[in-house]
Amino acid sequence: MRRDREKVEWRKLMWSNYGAPKWLFILYLALNRKLPTKDRMEKWGVISNLTCPLCQLEDEDIEHLFFSCKFTTGIWKKLLAWQEIQRTRG
């Protein structure tokens, strides 16, 4: 009944996670680049201002929102420090 499909790298993160269903749904959307970020909403014709509301410095897209925004970078640093996780840049 099922076809063989290529296994994606993030499958264990998604399906072996015991987080709340809402978190898993958001994670699924993020991994598939389907979150309604401003760059996606602009393509749909919903908005015209792409500026990130958190830092007001760059246009908002998924990469900026999770990795390069000054505001969210600070949150990531605090979360990682709280969990005693040391991250090295590659």
Protein backbone atom coordinates (compact mmCIF):
# COMPACT_ATOMS: atom_id res chain seq x y z
CA MET A 1 0.00 0.00 0.00
CA ARG A 2 2.77 2.46 0.87
CA ARG A 3 5.52 3.44 -1.49
CA ASP A 4 9.15 3.63 -0.44
CA ARG A 5 10.08 7.25 0.09
CA GLU A 6 13.28 9.03 0.87
CA LYS A 7 13.68 9.51 4.62
CA VAL A 8 14.17 13.12 5.66
CA GLU A 9 16.83 14.13 8.19
CA TRP A 10 14.35 15.64 10.64
CA ARG A 11 11.95 12.69 10.91
CA LYS A 12 13.13 11.62 14.39
CA LEU A 13 12.91 15.19 15.67
CA MET A 14 9.33 15.36 14.48
CA TRP A 15 7.91 11.94 15.29
CA SER A 16 9.95 11.02 18.40
CA ASN A 17 9.10 14.29 20.11
CA TYR A 18 6.71 14.30 23.06
CA GLY A 19 5.95 18.05 22.90
CA ALA A 20 2.49 19.51 22.81
CA PRO A 21 0.61 18.92 19.52
CA LYS A 22 0.62 22.66 18.76
CA TRP A 23 4.43 22.75 19.08
CA LEU A 24 4.76 19.75 16.79
CA PHE A 25 2.52 21.37 14.20
CA ILE A 26 4.57 24.59 14.26
CA LEU A 27 7.78 22.54 14.04
CA TYR A 28 6.35 20.66 11.04
CA LEU A 29 5.46 23.96 9.32
CA ALA A 30 8.91 25.42 10.04
CA LEU A 31 10.77 22.37 8.75
CA ASN A 32 8.75 22.43 5.56
CA ARG A 33 9.15 26.23 5.21
CA LYS A 34 5.40 26.75 5.39
CA LEU A 35 5.19 29.18 8.34
CA PRO A 36 3.23 32.31 7.39
CA THR A 37 6.19 34.69 7.59
CA LYS A 38 5.95 38.14 6.07
CA ASP A 39 7.80 37.14 2.90
CA ARG A 40 5.22 34.39 2.24
CA MET A 41 2.26 36.64 3.06
CA GLU A 42 3.61 39.29 0.68
CA LYS A 43 3.59 36.71 -2.13
CA TRP A 44 -0.08 36.02 -1.33
CA GLY A 45 -0.83 39.76 -1.56
CA VAL A 46 -1.86 40.04 2.10
CA ILE A 47 0.77 42.57 3.24
CA SER A 48 3.30 44.93 1.69
CA ASN A 49 5.62 45.84 4.60
CA LEU A 50 8.24 43.09 5.02
CA THR A 51 10.21 44.70 7.87
CA CYS A 52 10.75 42.41 10.86
CA PRO A 53 8.57 43.67 13.74
CA LEU A 54 11.07 42.42 16.33
CA CYS A 55 14.28 44.15 15.21
CA GLN A 56 13.01 46.64 12.60
CA LEU A 57 16.28 46.11 10.67
CA GLU A 58 15.71 43.55 7.90
CA ASP A 59 12.92 41.89 5.96
CA GLU A 60 11.28 38.97 7.73
CA ASP A 61 11.69 35.48 6.34
CA ILE A 62 12.14 32.14 8.10
CA GLU A 63 15.95 32.33 8.10
CA HIS A 64 15.94 35.83 9.55
CA LEU A 65 13.23 35.06 12.10
CA PHE A 66 14.94 32.01 13.58
CA PHE A 67 18.64 32.64 13.01
CA SER A 68 19.75 36.18 12.14
CA CYS A 69 17.31 38.52 13.90
CA LYS A 70 19.08 40.36 16.75
CA PHE A 71 16.01 39.94 19.00
CA THR A 72 15.58 36.19 18.49
CA THR A 73 19.34 35.60 18.66
CA GLY A 74 19.22 36.98 22.21
CA ILE A 75 16.34 34.65 23.09
CA TRP A 76 18.20 31.63 21.67
CA LYS A 77 21.30 32.53 23.72
CA LYS A 78 19.25 32.76 26.94
CA LEU A 79 17.43 29.48 26.24
CA LEU A 80 20.66 27.63 25.48
CA ALA A 81 22.34 29.04 28.59
CA TRP A 82 19.31 28.05 30.71
CA GLN A 83 19.53 24.50 29.36
CA GLU A 84 23.35 24.53 29.78
CA ILE A 85 23.89 23.85 26.09
CA GLN A 86 27.08 25.19 24.55
CA ARG A 87 26.82 25.81 20.86
CA THR A 88 29.84 26.12 18.64
CA ARG A 89 29.70 27.88 15.31
CA GLY A 90 30.72 25.79 12.33
